Amino acid sequence: MTDTPAPTPAPLSGDARIRAEAAAFRRLRAHLLEARPDVQNIDLMILAGFCRNCLADWYGDALRAEGVDLDKAAAREAFYGMPFDAWKAQHQREATPEQQAAFAASQRAHAG
């Protein structure tokens, strides 16, 4: 008996792909903001190399590419659903020395 690989699905195109990507983004955003606000941005940066702020900045970049005129703070407010400083005050803690060291090490590991 041979292992037969699973058929490769046809790539999505057009509106279906855009809707799927948008839905995945909304689900990731909800997960990070609503289901797991306890996970600190610095820990996301250490483990994944991006955090909620990165997503908010990428969201802002995408909006500006569509002709929406907004600055970084406005993009973050649109992403977080409130001013970033308010979200940060509610959910973020000061980074520990251990987190800062792990972040620095992760940056060195990816720098080249």
N, C-alpha and C. Protein backbone atom coordinates (compact mmCIF):
# COMPACT_ATOMS: atom_id res chain seq x y z
N MET A 1 0.84 -1.18 0.00
CA MET A 1 0.00 0.00 0.00
C MET A 1 0.89 1.24 0.00
N THR A 2 0.63 2.15 -0.91
CA THR A 2 1.42 3.37 -1.00
C THR A 2 0.66 4.53 -0.42
N ASP A 3 1.43 5.45 0.11
CA ASP A 3 0.81 6.66 0.62
C ASP A 3 0.51 7.59 -0.55
N THR A 4 -0.73 7.87 -0.74
CA THR A 4 -1.14 8.78 -1.80
C THR A 4 -1.32 10.16 -1.19
N PRO A 5 -0.61 11.15 -1.72
CA PRO A 5 -0.77 12.49 -1.15
C PRO A 5 -2.18 13.00 -1.38
N ALA A 6 -2.63 13.80 -0.44
CA ALA A 6 -3.95 14.42 -0.57
C ALA A 6 -3.94 15.35 -1.76
N PRO A 7 -5.05 15.44 -2.46
CA PRO A 7 -5.08 16.36 -3.60
C PRO A 7 -4.90 17.79 -3.14
N THR A 8 -4.19 18.55 -3.94
CA THR A 8 -3.97 19.95 -3.63
C THR A 8 -5.19 20.74 -4.09
N PRO A 9 -5.79 21.49 -3.18
CA PRO A 9 -6.97 22.26 -3.59
C PRO A 9 -6.58 23.36 -4.58
N ALA A 10 -7.49 23.69 -5.45
CA ALA A 10 -7.25 24.78 -6.39
C ALA A 10 -7.11 26.07 -5.60
N PRO A 11 -6.14 26.90 -5.97
CA PRO A 11 -5.98 28.16 -5.24
C PRO A 11 -7.21 29.05 -5.44
N LEU A 12 -7.56 29.74 -4.38
CA LEU A 12 -8.68 30.68 -4.47
C LEU A 12 -8.23 31.91 -5.24
N SER A 13 -9.16 32.50 -5.90
CA SER A 13 -8.83 33.74 -6.59
C SER A 13 -9.95 34.74 -6.40
N GLY A 14 -9.65 35.96 -6.70
CA GLY A 14 -10.66 37.00 -6.69
C GLY A 14 -11.31 37.23 -5.34
N ASP A 15 -12.63 37.43 -5.40
CA ASP A 15 -13.39 37.79 -4.21
C ASP A 15 -13.36 36.73 -3.12
N ALA A 16 -13.36 35.46 -3.48
CA ALA A 16 -13.35 34.40 -2.46
C ALA A 16 -12.06 34.47 -1.64
N ARG A 17 -10.94 34.68 -2.28
CA ARG A 17 -9.65 34.79 -1.57
C ARG A 17 -9.65 36.01 -0.67
N ILE A 18 -10.11 37.14 -1.19
CA ILE A 18 -10.14 38.37 -0.40
C ILE A 18 -11.05 38.21 0.81
N ARG A 19 -12.21 37.60 0.63
CA ARG A 19 -13.13 37.39 1.76
C ARG A 19 -12.51 36.45 2.79
N ALA A 20 -11.85 35.40 2.33
CA ALA A 20 -11.22 34.45 3.26
C ALA A 20 -10.09 35.12 4.04
N GLU A 21 -9.26 35.89 3.35
CA GLU A 21 -8.18 36.59 4.03
C GLU A 21 -8.72 37.60 5.03
N ALA A 22 -9.76 38.33 4.66
CA ALA A 22 -10.36 39.30 5.57
C ALA A 22 -10.95 38.61 6.79
N ALA A 23 -11.61 37.48 6.57
CA ALA A 23 -12.21 36.74 7.69
C ALA A 23 -11.12 36.22 8.63
N ALA A 24 -10.02 35.72 8.05
CA ALA A 24 -8.92 35.22 8.87
C ALA A 24 -8.30 36.36 9.68
N PHE A 25 -8.15 37.53 9.07
CA PHE A 25 -7.61 38.69 9.78
C PHE A 25 -8.54 39.08 10.93
N ARG A 26 -9.85 39.15 10.66
CA ARG A 26 -10.80 39.52 11.72
C ARG A 26 -10.76 38.51 12.87
N ARG A 27 -10.62 37.24 12.54
CA ARG A 27 -10.56 36.21 13.58
C ARG A 27 -9.28 36.34 14.40
N LEU A 28 -8.15 36.57 13.75
CA LEU A 28 -6.89 36.78 14.47
C LEU A 28 -6.98 38.01 15.36
N ARG A 29 -7.51 39.10 14.83
CA ARG A 29 -7.66 40.33 15.61
C ARG A 29 -8.53 40.08 16.83
N ALA A 30 -9.68 39.44 16.65
CA ALA A 30 -10.57 39.16 17.78
C ALA A 30 -9.89 38.25 18.79
N HIS A 31 -9.17 37.28 18.31
CA HIS A 31 -8.48 36.37 19.23
C HIS A 31 -7.48 37.13 20.10
N LEU A 32 -6.67 37.98 19.47
CA LEU A 32 -5.63 38.71 20.21
C LEU A 32 -6.18 39.82 21.09
N LEU A 33 -7.29 40.44 20.67
CA LEU A 33 -7.83 41.56 21.45
C LEU A 33 -8.87 41.13 22.47
N GLU A 34 -9.67 40.13 22.13
CA GLU A 34 -10.78 39.75 23.00
C GLU A 34 -10.54 38.46 23.77
N ALA A 35 -10.09 37.43 23.07
CA ALA A 35 -9.91 36.13 23.73
C ALA A 35 -8.62 36.08 24.54
N ARG A 36 -7.55 36.74 24.08
CA ARG A 36 -6.25 36.65 24.76
C ARG A 36 -5.58 37.99 24.99
N PRO A 37 -6.28 38.95 25.58
CA PRO A 37 -5.63 40.23 25.87
C PRO A 37 -4.55 40.08 26.94
N ASP A 38 -4.54 38.95 27.63
CA ASP A 38 -3.55 38.69 28.66
C ASP A 38 -2.16 38.43 28.09
N VAL A 39 -2.10 37.99 26.84
CA VAL A 39 -0.80 37.73 26.21
C VAL A 39 -0.17 39.08 25.89
N GLN A 40 1.01 39.31 26.40
CA GLN A 40 1.67 40.59 26.25
C GLN A 40 2.29 40.74 24.86
N ASN A 41 2.27 41.97 24.34
CA ASN A 41 2.84 42.22 23.02
C ASN A 41 4.30 41.80 22.96
N ILE A 42 5.06 42.04 24.02
CA ILE A 42 6.48 41.68 23.98
C ILE A 42 6.65 40.16 23.85
N ASP A 43 5.76 39.39 24.48
CA ASP A 43 5.83 37.94 24.35
C ASP A 43 5.50 37.50 22.92
N LEU A 44 4.53 38.17 22.30
CA LEU A 44 4.24 37.88 20.89
C LEU A 44 5.45 38.19 20.02
N MET A 45 6.10 39.32 20.29
CA MET A 45 7.29 39.69 19.52
C MET A 45 8.40 38.67 19.69
N ILE A 46 8.59 38.20 20.91
CA ILE A 46 9.65 37.23 21.17
C ILE A 46 9.38 35.93 20.41
N LEU A 47 8.14 35.46 20.49
CA LEU A 47 7.80 34.16 19.89
C LEU A 47 7.52 34.22 18.40
N ALA A 48 6.84 35.26 17.96
CA ALA A 48 6.36 35.27 16.58
C ALA A 48 7.02 36.33 15.70
N GLY A 49 7.68 37.30 16.33
CA GLY A 49 8.30 38.35 15.54
C GLY A 49 7.33 39.44 15.12
N PHE A 50 6.10 39.40 15.61
CA PHE A 50 5.13 40.46 15.38
C PHE A 50 4.18 40.49 16.57
N CYS A 51 3.46 41.61 16.70
CA CYS A 51 2.51 41.75 17.80
C CYS A 51 1.27 42.49 17.33
N ARG A 52 0.41 42.82 18.25
CA ARG A 52 -0.81 43.55 17.90
C ARG A 52 -0.48 44.89 17.24
N ASN A 53 0.55 45.57 17.74
CA ASN A 53 0.93 46.85 17.15
C ASN A 53 1.37 46.68 15.71
N CYS A 54 2.08 45.61 15.41
CA CYS A 54 2.48 45.33 14.03
C CYS A 54 1.23 45.17 13.16
N LEU A 55 0.27 44.37 13.64
CA LEU A 55 -0.96 44.17 12.89
C LEU A 55 -1.68 45.50 12.68
N ALA A 56 -1.73 46.33 13.71
CA ALA A 56 -2.39 47.63 13.60
C ALA A 56 -1.67 48.50 12.57
N ASP A 57 -0.34 48.46 12.58
CA ASP A 57 0.43 49.24 11.61
C ASP A 57 0.22 48.71 10.20
N TRP A 58 0.18 47.39 10.03
CA TRP A 58 -0.07 46.80 8.71
C TRP A 58 -1.47 47.16 8.22
N TYR A 59 -2.43 47.18 9.14
CA TYR A 59 -3.80 47.58 8.84
C TYR A 59 -3.80 49.03 8.34
N GLY A 60 -3.09 49.89 9.04
CA GLY A 60 -2.98 51.28 8.62
C GLY A 60 -2.33 51.42 7.26
N ASP A 61 -1.28 50.64 7.02
CA ASP A 61 -0.62 50.66 5.70
C ASP A 61 -1.61 50.28 4.60
N ALA A 62 -2.42 49.24 4.87
CA ALA A 62 -3.40 48.79 3.88
C ALA A 62 -4.46 49.85 3.64
N LEU A 63 -4.91 50.52 4.71
CA LEU A 63 -5.90 51.58 4.55
C LEU A 63 -5.32 52.74 3.73
N ARG A 64 -4.09 53.14 4.04
CA ARG A 64 -3.46 54.23 3.29
C ARG A 64 -3.28 53.85 1.83
N ALA A 65 -2.97 52.57 1.56
CA ALA A 65 -2.84 52.11 0.18
C ALA A 65 -4.17 52.21 -0.57
N GLU A 66 -5.27 52.18 0.19
CA GLU A 66 -6.60 52.33 -0.40
C GLU A 66 -7.05 53.79 -0.45
N GLY A 67 -6.15 54.71 -0.07
CA GLY A 67 -6.46 56.13 -0.15
C GLY A 67 -7.06 56.72 1.10
N VAL A 68 -7.10 55.95 2.19
CA VAL A 68 -7.63 56.48 3.45
C VAL A 68 -6.51 57.26 4.14
N ASP A 69 -6.79 58.51 4.47
CA ASP A 69 -5.79 59.39 5.07
C ASP A 69 -5.87 59.29 6.59
N LEU A 70 -4.94 58.56 7.19
CA LEU A 70 -4.89 58.47 8.65
C LEU A 70 -3.46 58.25 9.09
N ASP A 71 -3.17 58.72 10.30
CA ASP A 71 -1.82 58.55 10.83
C ASP A 71 -1.75 57.26 11.65
N LYS A 72 -0.57 57.01 12.18
CA LYS A 72 -0.32 55.77 12.93
C LYS A 72 -1.26 55.64 14.13
N ALA A 73 -1.45 56.73 14.87
CA ALA A 73 -2.32 56.68 16.05
C ALA A 73 -3.76 56.37 15.66
N ALA A 74 -4.24 56.97 14.57
CA ALA A 74 -5.61 56.72 14.12
C ALA A 74 -5.77 55.28 13.63
N ALA A 75 -4.75 54.76 12.96
CA ALA A 75 -4.81 53.36 12.50
C ALA A 75 -4.85 52.42 13.70
N ARG A 76 -4.04 52.70 14.71
CA ARG A 76 -4.06 51.84 15.90
C ARG A 76 -5.39 51.94 16.62
N GLU A 77 -5.98 53.12 16.68
CA GLU A 77 -7.29 53.26 17.32
C GLU A 77 -8.35 52.48 16.54
N ALA A 78 -8.28 52.51 15.21
CA ALA A 78 -9.22 51.74 14.39
C ALA A 78 -9.04 50.25 14.64
N PHE A 79 -7.80 49.79 14.77
CA PHE A 79 -7.52 48.38 15.01
C PHE A 79 -7.96 47.95 16.40
N TYR A 80 -7.56 48.70 17.41
CA TYR A 80 -7.84 48.34 18.80
C TYR A 80 -9.28 48.63 19.22
N GLY A 81 -9.97 49.49 18.47
CA GLY A 81 -11.34 49.85 18.84
C GLY A 81 -11.39 50.88 19.95
N MET A 82 -10.27 51.47 20.26
CA MET A 82 -10.13 52.51 21.28
C MET A 82 -8.74 53.09 21.12
N PRO A 83 -8.49 54.26 21.71
CA PRO A 83 -7.12 54.78 21.64
C PRO A 83 -6.13 53.75 22.22
N PHE A 84 -4.99 53.61 21.56
CA PHE A 84 -4.02 52.61 21.99
C PHE A 84 -3.62 52.80 23.45
N ASP A 85 -3.44 54.04 23.88
CA ASP A 85 -3.06 54.27 25.28
C ASP A 85 -4.08 53.70 26.25
N ALA A 86 -5.37 53.77 25.90
CA ALA A 86 -6.41 53.20 26.76
C ALA A 86 -6.32 51.68 26.79
N TRP A 87 -6.12 51.06 25.63
CA TRP A 87 -5.99 49.60 25.58
C TRP A 87 -4.76 49.16 26.37
N LYS A 88 -3.67 49.88 26.16
CA LYS A 88 -2.42 49.56 26.86
C LYS A 88 -2.60 49.66 28.37
N ALA A 89 -3.28 50.71 28.84
CA ALA A 89 -3.50 50.88 30.28
C ALA A 89 -4.34 49.74 30.86
N GLN A 90 -5.27 49.22 30.06
CA GLN A 90 -6.13 48.13 30.53
C GLN A 90 -5.47 46.76 30.49
N HIS A 91 -4.56 46.55 29.53
CA HIS A 91 -4.10 45.18 29.27
C HIS A 91 -2.59 44.95 29.33
N GLN A 92 -1.80 45.96 29.10
CA GLN A 92 -0.35 45.75 29.03
C GLN A 92 0.30 45.99 30.38
N ARG A 93 1.29 45.16 30.66
CA ARG A 93 2.11 45.34 31.86
C ARG A 93 3.50 45.80 31.43
N GLU A 94 4.21 46.37 32.35
CA GLU A 94 5.59 46.75 32.09
C GLU A 94 6.40 45.48 31.81
N ALA A 95 7.24 45.53 30.80
CA ALA A 95 8.06 44.35 30.47
C ALA A 95 9.05 44.07 31.59
N THR A 96 9.18 42.80 31.91
CA THR A 96 10.14 42.40 32.93
C THR A 96 11.55 42.41 32.35
N PRO A 97 12.57 42.44 33.19
CA PRO A 97 13.94 42.33 32.67
C PRO A 97 14.14 41.04 31.85
N GLU A 98 13.49 39.95 32.26
CA GLU A 98 13.61 38.69 31.53
C GLU A 98 12.98 38.81 30.13
N GLN A 99 11.82 39.46 30.06
CA GLN A 99 11.18 39.66 28.75
C GLN A 99 12.04 40.56 27.87
N GLN A 100 12.59 41.61 28.45
CA GLN A 100 13.44 42.51 27.68
C GLN A 100 14.67 41.79 27.14
N ALA A 101 15.27 40.93 27.97
CA ALA A 101 16.44 40.17 27.53
C ALA A 101 16.06 39.17 26.43
N ALA A 102 14.94 38.50 26.59
CA ALA A 102 14.49 37.54 25.58
C ALA A 102 14.17 38.26 24.27
N PHE A 103 13.58 39.44 24.36
CA PHE A 103 13.29 40.22 23.17
C PHE A 103 14.58 40.62 22.46
N ALA A 104 15.55 41.11 23.22
CA ALA A 104 16.84 41.50 22.63
C ALA A 104 17.50 40.30 21.95
N ALA A 105 17.45 39.14 22.60
CA ALA A 105 18.05 37.94 22.01
C ALA A 105 17.31 37.53 20.74
N SER A 106 16.00 37.65 20.73
CA SER A 106 15.23 37.28 19.54
C SER A 106 15.55 38.24 18.39
N GLN A 107 15.77 39.50 18.70
CA GLN A 107 16.12 40.47 17.65
C GLN A 107 17.50 40.16 17.06
N ARG A 108 18.44 39.80 17.92
CA ARG A 108 19.78 39.43 17.43
C ARG A 108 19.71 38.19 16.55
N ALA A 109 18.89 37.23 16.94
CA ALA A 109 18.78 35.97 16.20
C ALA A 109 18.20 36.19 14.81
N HIS A 110 17.37 37.22 14.64
CA HIS A 110 16.73 37.47 13.36
C HIS A 110 17.39 38.59 12.56
N ALA A 111 18.48 39.10 13.07
CA ALA A 111 19.10 40.27 12.43
C ALA A 111 20.16 39.89 11.40
N GLY A 112 20.07 38.88 10.79
CA GLY A 112 21.07 38.75 9.78
C GLY A 112 21.48 37.43 9.46
